[in-house]
C-alpha atoms as a PDB file:
ATOM      1  CA  MET A   1     -24.066   2.330 -27.509  1.00  0.00           C
ATOM      2  CA  LYS A   2     -27.538   2.091 -27.094  1.00  0.00           C
ATOM      3  CA  TYR A   3     -29.553   4.658 -24.363  1.00  0.00           C
ATOM      4  CA  ARG A   4     -33.342   4.447 -23.547  1.00  0.00           C
ATOM      5  CA  ILE A   5     -34.819   7.390 -22.775  1.00  0.00           C
ATOM      6  CA  LYS A   6     -38.557   7.617 -21.418  1.00  0.00           C
ATOM      7  CA  MET A   7     -39.471  10.892 -23.219  1.00  0.00           C
ATOM      8  CA  ALA A   8     -42.436  12.414 -21.741  1.00  0.00           C
ATOM      9  CA  PRO A   9     -42.823  14.687 -19.601  1.00  0.00           C
ATOM     10  CA  TYR A  10     -39.672  15.688 -19.462  1.00  0.00           C
ATOM     11  CA  ASN A  11     -38.747  19.132 -20.934  1.00  0.00           C
ATOM     12  CA  ASN A  12     -35.717  20.075 -22.757  1.00  0.00           C
ATOM     13  CA  CYS A  13     -33.539  20.896 -20.236  1.00  0.00           C
ATOM     14  CA  SER A  14     -34.138  17.712 -18.043  1.00  0.00           C
ATOM     15  CA  LEU A  15     -33.910  15.235 -21.537  1.00  0.00           C
ATOM     16  CA  LEU A  16     -30.247  17.279 -22.037  1.00  0.00           C
ATOM     17  CA  LEU A  17     -29.610  16.306 -18.561  1.00  0.00           C
ATOM     18  CA  LEU A  18     -30.732  12.873 -18.592  1.00  0.00           C
ATOM     19  CA  ILE A  19     -28.275  12.548 -21.368  1.00  0.00           C
ATOM     20  CA  VAL A  20     -25.330  13.526 -20.560  1.00  0.00           C
ATOM     21  CA  PHE A  21     -26.277  11.771 -16.629  1.00  0.00           C
ATOM     22  CA  SER A  22     -26.414   8.042 -18.735  1.00  0.00           C
ATOM     23  CA  ILE A  23     -23.174   8.622 -20.966  1.00  0.00           C
ATOM     24  CA  THR A  24     -21.525   9.814 -17.785  1.00  0.00           C
ATOM     25  CA  LEU A  25     -22.867   6.143 -16.015  1.00  0.00           C
ATOM     26  CA  ASP A  26     -21.369   4.566 -18.590  1.00  0.00           C
ATOM     27  CA  PHE A  27     -18.052   6.348 -19.066  1.00  0.00           C
ATOM     28  CA  ALA A  28     -17.684   5.363 -15.265  1.00  0.00           C
ATOM     29  CA  SER A  29     -18.379   1.772 -15.997  1.00  0.00           C
ATOM     30  CA  VAL A  30     -15.336   2.097 -18.528  1.00  0.00           C
ATOM     31  CA  VAL A  31     -12.830   3.801 -15.806  1.00  0.00           C
ATOM     32  CA  ASN A  32     -13.871   1.558 -13.007  1.00  0.00           C
ATOM     33  CA  CYS A  33     -12.252  -1.121 -14.950  1.00  0.00           C
ATOM     34  CA  GLU A  34      -8.888  -0.077 -14.830  1.00  0.00           C
ATOM     35  CA  ASN A  35      -6.636  -1.204 -11.688  1.00  0.00           C
ATOM     36  CA  SER A  36      -7.779   1.003  -8.671  1.00  0.00           C
ATOM     37  CA  PHE A  37      -4.458   0.981  -7.269  1.00  0.00           C
ATOM     38  CA  GLN A  38      -1.805   3.728  -8.134  1.00  0.00           C
ATOM     39  CA  TRP A  39       1.703   4.797  -6.761  1.00  0.00           C
ATOM     40  CA  LYS A  40       4.583   7.499  -6.868  1.00  0.00           C
ATOM     41  CA  THR A  41       6.912   9.005  -5.109  1.00  0.00           C
ATOM     42  CA  CYS A  42       5.552  11.843  -2.934  1.00  0.00           C
ATOM     43  CA  GLU A  43       5.850  15.020  -5.320  1.00  0.00           C
ATOM     44  CA  ASP A  44       7.129  17.194  -2.224  1.00  0.00           C
ATOM     45  CA  TYR A  45       9.048  14.892  -0.799  1.00  0.00           C
ATOM     46  CA  GLN A  46      11.981  16.222   0.726  1.00  0.00           C
ATOM     47  CA  SER A  47      14.951  13.437   2.112  1.00  0.00           C
ATOM     48  CA  ARG A  48      18.721  13.357   1.927  1.00  0.00           C
ATOM     49  CA  SER A  49      20.135  11.966  -1.616  1.00  0.00           C
ATOM     50  CA  THR A  50      20.373   8.324  -0.618  1.00  0.00           C
ATOM     51  CA  GLY A  51      17.727   6.387   1.368  1.00  0.00           C
ATOM     52  CA  ILE A  52      15.757   3.662  -0.318  1.00  0.00           C
ATOM     53  CA  LYS A  53      14.546   3.626  -3.825  1.00  0.00           C
ATOM     54  CA  VAL A  54      11.138   1.944  -5.032  1.00  0.00           C
ATOM     55  CA  SER A  55      11.183   1.182  -8.832  1.00  0.00           C
ATOM     56  CA  TYR A  56       8.266  -0.715  -8.971  1.00  0.00           C
ATOM     57  CA  LEU A  57       4.987  -1.671  -6.432  1.00  0.00           C
ATOM     58  CA  LYS A  58       1.822  -3.591  -6.788  1.00  0.00           C
ATOM     59  CA  MET A  59      -0.663  -4.643  -4.513  1.00  0.00           C
ATOM     60  CA  SER A  60      -3.702  -7.072  -4.827  1.00  0.00           C
ATOM     61  CA  PRO A  61      -6.614  -8.478  -4.934  1.00  0.00           C
ATOM     62  CA  ASP A  62      -7.647  -4.912  -6.481  1.00  0.00           C
ATOM     63  CA  PRO A  63      -9.887  -3.504  -4.727  1.00  0.00           C
ATOM     64  CA  ILE A  64      -7.959  -4.276  -1.382  1.00  0.00           C
ATOM     65  CA  ILE A  65     -10.469  -7.095   0.016  1.00  0.00           C
ATOM     66  CA  ILE A  66     -11.166  -6.957   4.181  1.00  0.00           C
ATOM     67  CA  PRO A  67     -10.840  -9.454   5.647  1.00  0.00           C
ATOM     68  CA  HIS A  68      -8.571 -10.793   3.245  1.00  0.00           C
ATOM     69  CA  ASN A  69      -4.415 -11.921   2.363  1.00  0.00           C
ATOM     70  CA  ILE A  70      -3.306  -8.805   0.451  1.00  0.00           C
ATOM     71  CA  ALA A  71      -0.532  -9.650  -1.487  1.00  0.00           C
ATOM     72  CA  VAL A  72       2.868  -7.061  -2.196  1.00  0.00           C
ATOM     73  CA  GLU A  73       4.689  -7.509  -5.083  1.00  0.00           C
ATOM     74  CA  PHE A  74       7.945  -5.191  -5.078  1.00  0.00           C
ATOM     75  CA  GLU A  75      11.291  -4.070  -6.672  1.00  0.00           C
ATOM     76  CA  ALA A  76      13.547  -1.793  -4.364  1.00  0.00           C
ATOM     77  CA  GLU A  77      16.876  -0.999  -3.054  1.00  0.00           C
ATOM     78  CA  VAL A  78      18.429   0.419   0.091  1.00  0.00           C
ATOM     79  CA  LEU A  79      20.855   2.806  -1.148  1.00  0.00           C
ATOM     80  CA  THR A  80      22.515   3.416   2.339  1.00  0.00           C
ATOM     81  CA  ASN A  81      23.371   2.217   6.053  1.00  0.00           C
ATOM     82  CA  LEU A  82      19.791   2.786   8.001  1.00  0.00           C
ATOM     83  CA  THR A  83      20.292   3.890  11.572  1.00  0.00           C
ATOM     84  CA  GLU A  84      17.599   2.810  14.201  1.00  0.00           C
ATOM     85  CA  PRO A  85      15.183   4.227  15.361  1.00  0.00           C
ATOM     86  CA  PHE A  86      13.604   2.668  12.295  1.00  0.00           C
ATOM     87  CA  SER A  87       9.978   4.144  12.026  1.00  0.00           C
ATOM     88  CA  LEU A  88       6.791   3.964  10.163  1.00  0.00           C
ATOM     89  CA  ASN A  89       4.206   6.472   9.463  1.00  0.00           C
ATOM     90  CA  VAL A  90       0.950   6.139   7.735  1.00  0.00           C
ATOM     91  CA  GLU A  91      -1.524   8.092   6.624  1.00  0.00           C
ATOM     92  CA  VAL A  92      -5.153   7.966   5.381  1.00  0.00           C
ATOM     93  CA  TRP A  93      -8.010   9.762   3.973  1.00  0.00           C
ATOM     94  CA  MET A  94     -11.027   8.235   2.266  1.00  0.00           C
ATOM     95  CA  LEU A  95     -12.448  10.012  -0.437  1.00  0.00           C
ATOM     96  CA  VAL A  96     -16.279  10.668  -0.213  1.00  0.00           C
ATOM     97  CA  ASN A  97     -18.326  12.155  -3.398  1.00  0.00           C
ATOM     98  CA  MET A  98     -20.174  15.290  -2.729  1.00  0.00           C
ATOM     99  CA  TYR A  99     -21.514  15.557  -5.831  1.00  0.00           C
ATOM    100  CA  TRP A 100     -19.797  18.114  -7.755  1.00  0.00           C
ATOM    101  CA  PHE A 101     -16.486  17.435  -5.962  1.00  0.00           C
ATOM    102  CA  THR A 102     -14.563  14.842  -3.807  1.00  0.00           C
ATOM    103  CA  ALA A 103     -14.136  15.155  -0.242  1.00  0.00           C
ATOM    104  CA  ARG A 104     -10.977  14.101   1.500  1.00  0.00           C
ATOM    105  CA  ILE A 105     -11.572  12.782   4.910  1.00  0.00           C
ATOM    106  CA  PRO A 106      -8.692  12.024   7.203  1.00  0.00           C
ATOM    107  CA  VAL A 107      -9.203   8.188   8.579  1.00  0.00           C
ATOM    108  CA  PRO A 108      -8.263   8.162  12.716  1.00  0.00           C
ATOM    109  CA  GLY A 109      -6.141   5.817  14.328  1.00  0.00           C
ATOM    110  CA  CYS A 110      -3.849   5.480  11.397  1.00  0.00           C
ATOM    111  CA  CYS A 111      -0.676   4.825  12.022  1.00  0.00           C
ATOM    112  CA  SER A 112       2.761   5.657  13.621  1.00  0.00           C
ATOM    113  CA  PHE A 113       5.210   3.182  14.607  1.00  0.00           C
ATOM    114  CA  ASP A 114       8.276   4.528  16.521  1.00  0.00           C
ATOM    115  CA  ASN A 115      10.776   1.348  16.024  1.00  0.00           C
ATOM    116  CA  VAL A 116       9.536  -0.874  13.519  1.00  0.00           C
ATOM    117  CA  CYS A 117      12.739  -3.144  14.250  1.00  0.00           C
ATOM    118  CA  GLU A 118      11.922  -3.130  17.895  1.00  0.00           C
ATOM    119  CA  MET A 119       8.160  -4.478  17.594  1.00  0.00           C
ATOM    120  CA  MET A 120       9.119  -7.070  14.740  1.00  0.00           C
ATOM    121  CA  LEU A 121      12.147  -8.605  16.704  1.00  0.00           C
ATOM    122  CA  GLU A 122      10.339  -8.504  20.635  1.00  0.00           C
ATOM    123  CA  GLU A 123       9.052 -11.787  21.769  1.00  0.00           C
ATOM    124  CA  PRO A 124       6.001 -12.022  20.860  1.00  0.00           C
ATOM    125  CA  PRO A 125       6.505  -9.358  18.103  1.00  0.00           C
ATOM    126  CA  THR A 126       4.271  -6.634  17.635  1.00  0.00           C
ATOM    127  CA  ILE A 127       4.925  -6.602  13.944  1.00  0.00           C
ATOM    128  CA  LYS A 128       5.206 -10.344  12.288  1.00  0.00           C
ATOM    129  CA  CYS A 129       7.471 -10.713   9.459  1.00  0.00           C
ATOM    130  CA  PRO A 130       5.618 -11.180   6.202  1.00  0.00           C
ATOM    131  CA  ALA A 131       4.966 -14.332   4.785  1.00  0.00           C
ATOM    132  CA  GLY A 132       6.771 -14.509   1.435  1.00  0.00           C
ATOM    133  CA  ALA A 133      10.196 -12.686   3.145  1.00  0.00           C
ATOM    134  CA  ALA A 134      11.802 -15.785   3.636  1.00  0.00           C
ATOM    135  CA  GLU A 135      10.905 -17.353   0.076  1.00  0.00           C
ATOM    136  CA  ASN A 136      12.330 -13.872  -1.522  1.00  0.00           C
ATOM    137  CA  CYS A 137      15.842 -13.934   0.754  1.00  0.00           C
ATOM    138  CA  ILE A 138      14.888 -11.105   3.229  1.00  0.00           C
ATOM    139  CA  ASP A 139      15.666 -11.548   6.732  1.00  0.00           C
ATOM    140  CA  CYS A 140      13.359  -9.454   9.018  1.00  0.00           C
ATOM    141  CA  ASN A 141      16.292 -10.456  11.805  1.00  0.00           C
ATOM    142  CA  GLU A 142      18.136  -7.407   9.660  1.00  0.00           C
ATOM    143  CA  CYS A 143      16.890  -4.694  10.673  1.00  0.00           C
ATOM    144  CA  PRO A 144      17.209  -2.024   9.341  1.00  0.00           C
ATOM    145  CA  PRO A 145      17.395  -3.519   6.339  1.00  0.00           C
ATOM    146  CA  PRO A 146      21.228  -3.665   4.885  1.00  0.00           C
ATOM    147  CA  PRO A 147      21.944  -1.979   1.932  1.00  0.00           C
ATOM    148  CA  ARG A 148      21.586  -3.950  -1.435  1.00  0.00           C
ATOM    149  CA  LYS A 149      18.430  -4.758  -3.989  1.00  0.00           C
ATOM    150  CA  TYR A 150      14.937  -6.375  -2.737  1.00  0.00           C
ATOM    151  CA  ASN A 151      12.135  -7.856  -4.667  1.00  0.00           C
ATOM    152  CA  THR A 152       9.216 -10.248  -4.761  1.00  0.00           C
ATOM    153  CA  SER A 153      10.812 -12.283  -8.117  1.00  0.00           C
ATOM    154  CA  VAL A 154       9.984 -15.844  -5.944  1.00  0.00           C
ATOM    155  CA  THR A 155       6.779 -15.312  -4.698  1.00  0.00           C
ATOM    156  CA  PRO A 156       4.918 -12.159  -3.382  1.00  0.00           C
ATOM    157  CA  VAL A 157       4.627 -10.754   0.074  1.00  0.00           C
ATOM    158  CA  SER A 158       1.613 -11.761   1.939  1.00  0.00           C
ATOM    159  CA  VAL A 159       0.074 -10.064   4.961  1.00  0.00           C
ATOM    160  CA  ALA A 160      -3.214 -10.907   6.747  1.00  0.00           C
ATOM    161  CA  VAL A 161      -5.761  -8.271   7.242  1.00  0.00           C
ATOM    162  CA  ASP A 162      -8.045  -8.589  10.271  1.00  0.00           C
ATOM    163  CA  ASP A 163     -11.413  -7.880  10.040  1.00  0.00           C
ATOM    164  CA  LEU A 164     -13.218  -4.968  11.141  1.00  0.00           C
ATOM    165  CA  PRO A 165     -15.851  -4.164  13.414  1.00  0.00           C
ATOM    166  CA  PHE A 166     -18.768  -4.500  12.260  1.00  0.00           C
ATOM    167  CA  TYR A 167     -19.862  -0.951  12.579  1.00  0.00           C
ATOM    168  CA  ILE A 168     -16.867   0.106  10.761  1.00  0.00           C
ATOM    169  CA  LYS A 169     -17.391  -2.439   8.295  1.00  0.00           C
ATOM    170  CA  LEU A 170     -20.542  -0.781   7.176  1.00  0.00           C
ATOM    171  CA  PHE A 171     -18.665   2.274   5.887  1.00  0.00           C
ATOM    172  CA  ALA A 172     -15.193   1.045   5.076  1.00  0.00           C
ATOM    173  CA  SER A 173     -15.835   0.315   1.314  1.00  0.00           C
ATOM    174  CA  GLY A 174     -14.447   3.171  -0.901  1.00  0.00           C
ATOM    175  CA  LYS A 175     -11.822   4.958  -2.574  1.00  0.00           C
ATOM    176  CA  TYR A 176      -8.890   6.017  -0.327  1.00  0.00           C
ATOM    177  CA  GLU A 177      -5.705   8.140  -0.581  1.00  0.00           C
ATOM    178  CA  ALA A 178      -2.745   7.058   1.961  1.00  0.00           C
ATOM    179  CA  ARG A 179       0.862   8.162   2.312  1.00  0.00           C
ATOM    180  CA  VAL A 180       3.434   5.827   3.783  1.00  0.00           C
ATOM    181  CA  THR A 181       6.774   7.403   4.984  1.00  0.00           C
ATOM    182  CA  PHE A 182      10.010   5.583   6.306  1.00  0.00           C
ATOM    183  CA  SER A 183      12.562   7.182   8.413  1.00  0.00           C
ATOM    184  CA  ASP A 184      15.840   6.397  10.278  1.00  0.00           C
ATOM    185  CA  ALA A 185      17.316   8.443  13.067  1.00  0.00           C
ATOM    186  CA  ILE A 186      18.768  11.083  10.295  1.00  0.00           C
ATOM    187  CA  GLY A 187      15.525  11.689   8.353  1.00  0.00           C
ATOM    188  CA  ASP A 188      12.949  10.344   5.849  1.00  0.00           C
ATOM    189  CA  VAL A 189      14.155   7.448   3.672  1.00  0.00           C
ATOM    190  CA  LEU A 190      11.293   6.953   1.772  1.00  0.00           C
ATOM    191  CA  CYS A 191       7.727   8.775   0.996  1.00  0.00           C
ATOM    192  CA  ILE A 192       4.758   6.851  -1.180  1.00  0.00           C
ATOM    193  CA  ASP A 193       1.662   8.174  -2.044  1.00  0.00           C
ATOM    194  CA  MET A 194      -1.004   5.758  -2.872  1.00  0.00           C
ATOM    195  CA  SER A 195      -4.475   5.654  -4.242  1.00  0.00           C
ATOM    196  CA  LEU A 196      -6.904   2.318  -4.049  1.00  0.00           C
ATOM    197  CA  GLU A 197     -10.268   1.162  -3.615  1.00  0.00           C
ATOM    198  CA  VAL A 198     -11.092  -1.326  -0.449  1.00  0.00           C
ATOM    199  CA  ALA A 199     -13.932  -3.446  -0.775  1.00  0.00           C
ATOM    200  CA  THR A 200     -15.247  -6.165   2.462  1.00  0.00           C
ATOM    201  CA  SER A 201     -16.132  -9.713   2.446  1.00  0.00           C
ATOM    202  CA  SER A 202     -17.597 -11.827   5.286  1.00  0.00           C
ATOM    203  CA  THR A 203     -14.924 -14.525   4.276  1.00  0.00           C
ATOM    204  CA  LYS A 204     -12.031 -14.635   7.289  1.00  0.00           C
ATOM    205  CA  ALA A 205      -8.328 -14.669   5.666  1.00  0.00           C
ATOM    206  CA  GLU A 206      -6.576 -17.027   6.408  1.00  0.00           C
ATOM    207  CA  GLU A 207      -3.277 -16.774   8.395  1.00  0.00           C
ATOM    208  CA  PRO A 208      -0.198 -17.472   5.764  1.00  0.00           C
ATOM    209  CA  ILE A 209       2.800 -19.586   6.584  1.00  0.00           C
ATOM    210  CA  VAL A 210       5.834 -18.033   7.408  1.00  0.00           C
ATOM    211  CA  LEU A 211       9.350 -19.900   6.918  1.00  0.00           C
ATOM    212  CA  ASP A 212      11.578 -19.478  10.342  1.00  0.00           C
ATOM    213  CA  THR A 213      14.567 -19.356   8.100  1.00  0.00           C
ATOM    214  CA  LEU A 214      15.619 -18.386   4.787  1.00  0.00           C
ATOM    215  CA  PRO A 215      15.920 -21.080   2.003  1.00  0.00           C
ATOM    216  CA  ASP A 216      19.274 -22.599   1.396  1.00  0.00           C
ATOM    217  CA  TYR A 217      19.286 -20.830  -2.085  1.00  0.00           C
ATOM    218  CA  CYS A 218      19.626 -17.338  -0.383  1.00  0.00           C
ATOM    219  CA  LYS A 219      23.641 -18.236   0.844  1.00  0.00           C
ATOM    220  CA  ALA A 220      24.069 -17.996  -2.803  1.00  0.00           C
ATOM    221  CA  LEU A 221      22.996 -14.256  -2.710  1.00  0.00           C
ATOM    222  CA  PRO A 222      26.211 -11.623  -3.472  1.00  0.00           C
ATOM    223  CA  PRO A 223      27.904  -9.791  -0.456  1.00  0.00           C
ATOM    224  CA  LYS A 224      25.761  -6.845   0.994  1.00  0.00           C
ATOM    225  CA  LYS A 225      26.995  -3.611  -0.472  1.00  0.00           C
ATOM    226  CA  ASP A 226      29.223  -1.439   1.515  1.00  0.00           C
ATOM    227  CA  SER A 227      27.826   1.998   1.386  1.00  0.00           C
ATOM    228  CA  SER A 228      29.035   3.685   4.504  1.00  0.00           C
ATOM    229  CA  VAL A 229      31.142   5.930   1.720  1.00  0.00           C
ATOM    230  CA  ASN A 230      27.626   7.096   0.942  1.00  0.00           C
ATOM    231  CA  ASP A 231      26.920   7.792   4.204  1.00  0.00           C
ATOM    232  CA  LEU A 232      25.433  11.222   5.685  1.00  0.00           C
ATOM    233  CA  ALA A 233      26.538  12.997   8.703  1.00  0.00           C
END
């Protein structure tokens, strides 16, 4: 790699700092070519031994674009019978570079749903069944999801993310961290930590098409696993 440096009127210390800064920028451009979306099970996660196990998770586009349709691919297994209320809690932090350190700033307004099933099954639904769920033989009317394996082998699950108000959109682009926790009446069943990057767009997201019923090939699925012996009191 070649670097052009204007020699005058820098002293030796300034010249050294300029070289280091130039190499740092070049290194950062290489790092940014990698996928910004990363995930892992929460390190401090304390749950009962059975719940939901996720073995694969991917979100695209990367960076996440707002407004846009977000495609989610996953492989997961529900290991036990879950009991209502089935809740979802999302905590989000924006990462802001402050020269020599990165500040982790909580994003207000995110997001707690005390009874996901009730919100999905009411009319009209507050939380809509995502596009692609039926194609993967995921029945949103079965909530909480019964014990079995779930994946997006047919097509990714697609969720339309609405546009943001102008005054929020100005500052929305950047890097974020999030924690997503699912719980049932007994306790936490899944906790995932994520890091991702968000970019904004002026193009409006198109509403994805959602099937009303499961395709015929879903009838060939094996019977649901009976996990009652694994349930904890």
